[in-house]
Amino acid sequence: MIMKNKLAYSFDDEPVSKFCCDLDNNKIEIYFKGYFDLIEDKYIEKSCVWSIENWKEAKSRIGDDTKLYDLTKSVGIFSLILYMKYSEDDVLEMLVNTVDNRYITIFLKEPILKLL
């Protein structure tokens, strides 16, 4: 399933079981044991991979800092996605908690999303 500009699923507070980040090729893969289907309004207990790829620009903000940094300066291993949403200008915004207990807000411009 490929999503663009519309989120049909949520991983809010779903623990990440595996995390892969390839910054050279603009690809992040996040593995979960389940997800919430927003269209059917129910939890799906099934292993899945959420792929985020081919974004045009990636920025991040650490904690309450207002300054935006290049994603490479702050990326860490995700433990939870606390929320994700699309802005009107095709930017996916995600607040994640990392395994080293940092809170990072990530902004990805025009990503391609796949739920596998």
Protein backbone atom coordinates (compact mmCIF):
# COMPACT_ATOMS: atom_id res chain seq x y z
CA MET A 1 0.00 0.00 0.00
CA ILE A 2 1.52 3.37 -1.03
CA MET A 3 0.32 6.52 0.69
CA LYS A 4 0.99 10.06 -0.35
CA ASN A 5 -0.43 13.00 1.55
CA LYS A 6 -2.88 10.86 3.46
CA LEU A 7 -2.23 8.67 6.44
CA ALA A 8 -4.39 5.56 6.61
CA TYR A 9 -2.59 4.11 9.62
CA SER A 10 -0.99 5.11 12.90
CA PHE A 11 1.84 3.78 15.02
CA ASP A 12 1.27 6.06 18.01
CA ASP A 13 2.85 4.47 21.08
CA GLU A 14 3.52 1.20 19.22
CA PRO A 15 7.04 0.03 20.19
CA VAL A 16 9.53 -0.15 17.33
CA SER A 17 10.92 -3.67 16.97
CA LYS A 18 13.59 -2.84 14.35
CA PHE A 19 14.91 0.39 12.83
CA CYS A 20 16.97 0.86 9.65
CA CYS A 21 18.11 4.24 8.34
CA ASP A 22 19.89 4.79 5.01
CA LEU A 23 20.54 8.53 4.82
CA ASP A 24 22.60 8.21 1.62
CA ASN A 25 19.53 6.91 -0.23
CA ASN A 26 16.84 8.78 1.73
CA LYS A 27 15.17 5.71 3.17
CA ILE A 28 14.00 4.78 6.67
CA GLU A 29 12.39 1.44 7.52
CA ILE A 30 10.61 0.99 10.83
CA TYR A 31 9.36 -2.42 11.95
CA PHE A 32 6.34 -2.89 14.21
CA LYS A 33 4.32 -5.80 15.59
CA GLY A 34 1.08 -4.04 14.67
CA TYR A 35 -0.56 -0.76 13.70
CA PHE A 36 -3.85 1.10 13.96
CA ASP A 37 -5.86 1.19 10.73
CA LEU A 38 -7.42 4.67 10.62
CA ILE A 39 -9.85 3.78 7.81
CA GLU A 40 -11.25 0.67 9.49
CA ASP A 41 -10.82 2.23 12.96
CA LYS A 42 -9.22 -0.87 14.47
CA TYR A 43 -5.90 -2.22 15.65
CA ILE A 44 -4.22 -4.76 13.34
CA GLU A 45 -1.93 -7.16 15.20
CA LYS A 46 0.35 -8.11 12.32
CA SER A 47 4.07 -7.55 11.82
CA CYS A 48 4.69 -4.77 9.32
CA VAL A 49 7.35 -2.47 7.94
CA TRP A 50 6.72 1.22 7.44
CA SER A 51 9.00 2.54 4.71
CA ILE A 52 9.64 6.26 4.32
CA GLU A 53 11.70 7.10 1.26
CA ASN A 54 12.74 9.55 -1.46
CA TRP A 55 12.08 12.71 0.54
CA LYS A 56 13.24 15.98 -0.99
CA GLU A 57 14.41 17.59 2.26
CA ALA A 58 14.84 16.37 5.85
CA LYS A 59 15.04 18.58 8.92
CA SER A 60 14.77 17.89 12.62
CA ARG A 61 14.36 19.61 15.95
CA ILE A 62 15.56 18.18 19.27
CA GLY A 63 13.28 18.56 22.29
CA ASP A 64 11.90 22.07 22.73
CA ASP A 65 14.66 23.68 20.64
CA THR A 66 13.16 25.95 17.98
CA LYS A 67 16.13 25.65 15.64
CA LEU A 68 15.92 23.16 12.77
CA TYR A 69 18.91 20.99 11.93
CA ASP A 70 19.79 18.64 9.11
CA LEU A 71 18.41 15.20 9.93
CA THR A 72 21.91 13.70 9.99
CA LYS A 73 22.81 15.84 13.03
CA SER A 74 20.10 14.43 15.27
CA VAL A 75 18.80 11.12 13.97
CA GLY A 76 18.80 8.29 16.48
CA ILE A 77 17.30 4.84 16.79
CA PHE A 78 13.52 5.18 17.15
CA SER A 79 11.82 3.47 20.07
CA LEU A 80 8.36 5.07 19.64
CA ILE A 81 6.54 7.33 17.22
CA LEU A 82 4.44 9.61 19.39
CA TYR A 83 2.57 11.29 16.53
CA MET A 84 2.74 11.89 12.80
CA LYS A 85 0.81 14.23 10.54
CA TYR A 86 0.98 15.89 7.14
CA SER A 87 1.12 19.64 6.70
CA GLU A 88 -0.53 21.41 3.80
CA ASP A 89 2.83 21.86 2.05
CA ASP A 90 3.53 18.10 1.73
CA VAL A 91 5.72 17.81 4.82
CA LEU A 92 5.41 14.76 7.04
CA GLU A 93 5.97 15.75 10.67
CA MET A 94 6.78 13.06 13.24
CA LEU A 95 7.62 13.26 16.92
CA VAL A 96 9.75 10.28 17.90
CA ASN A 97 11.33 9.06 21.09
CA THR A 98 14.76 7.47 20.64
CA VAL A 99 16.37 4.60 22.56
CA ASP A 100 18.65 7.16 24.27
CA ASN A 101 15.49 8.97 25.47
CA ARG A 102 15.62 12.03 23.22
CA TYR A 103 12.50 13.56 21.68
CA ILE A 104 13.06 14.52 18.05
CA THR A 105 10.60 16.16 15.71
CA ILE A 106 11.35 15.18 12.13
CA PHE A 107 10.14 17.04 9.04
CA LEU A 108 10.34 15.20 5.69
CA LYS A 109 9.33 17.04 2.52
CA GLU A 110 7.33 14.99 0.00
CA PRO A 111 8.23 11.49 1.23
CA ILE A 112 6.88 8.32 -0.30
CA LEU A 113 5.27 6.13 2.37
CA LYS A 114 4.71 2.40 2.11
CA LEU A 115 3.21 -0.01 4.60
CA LEU A 116 4.54 -3.49 3.87
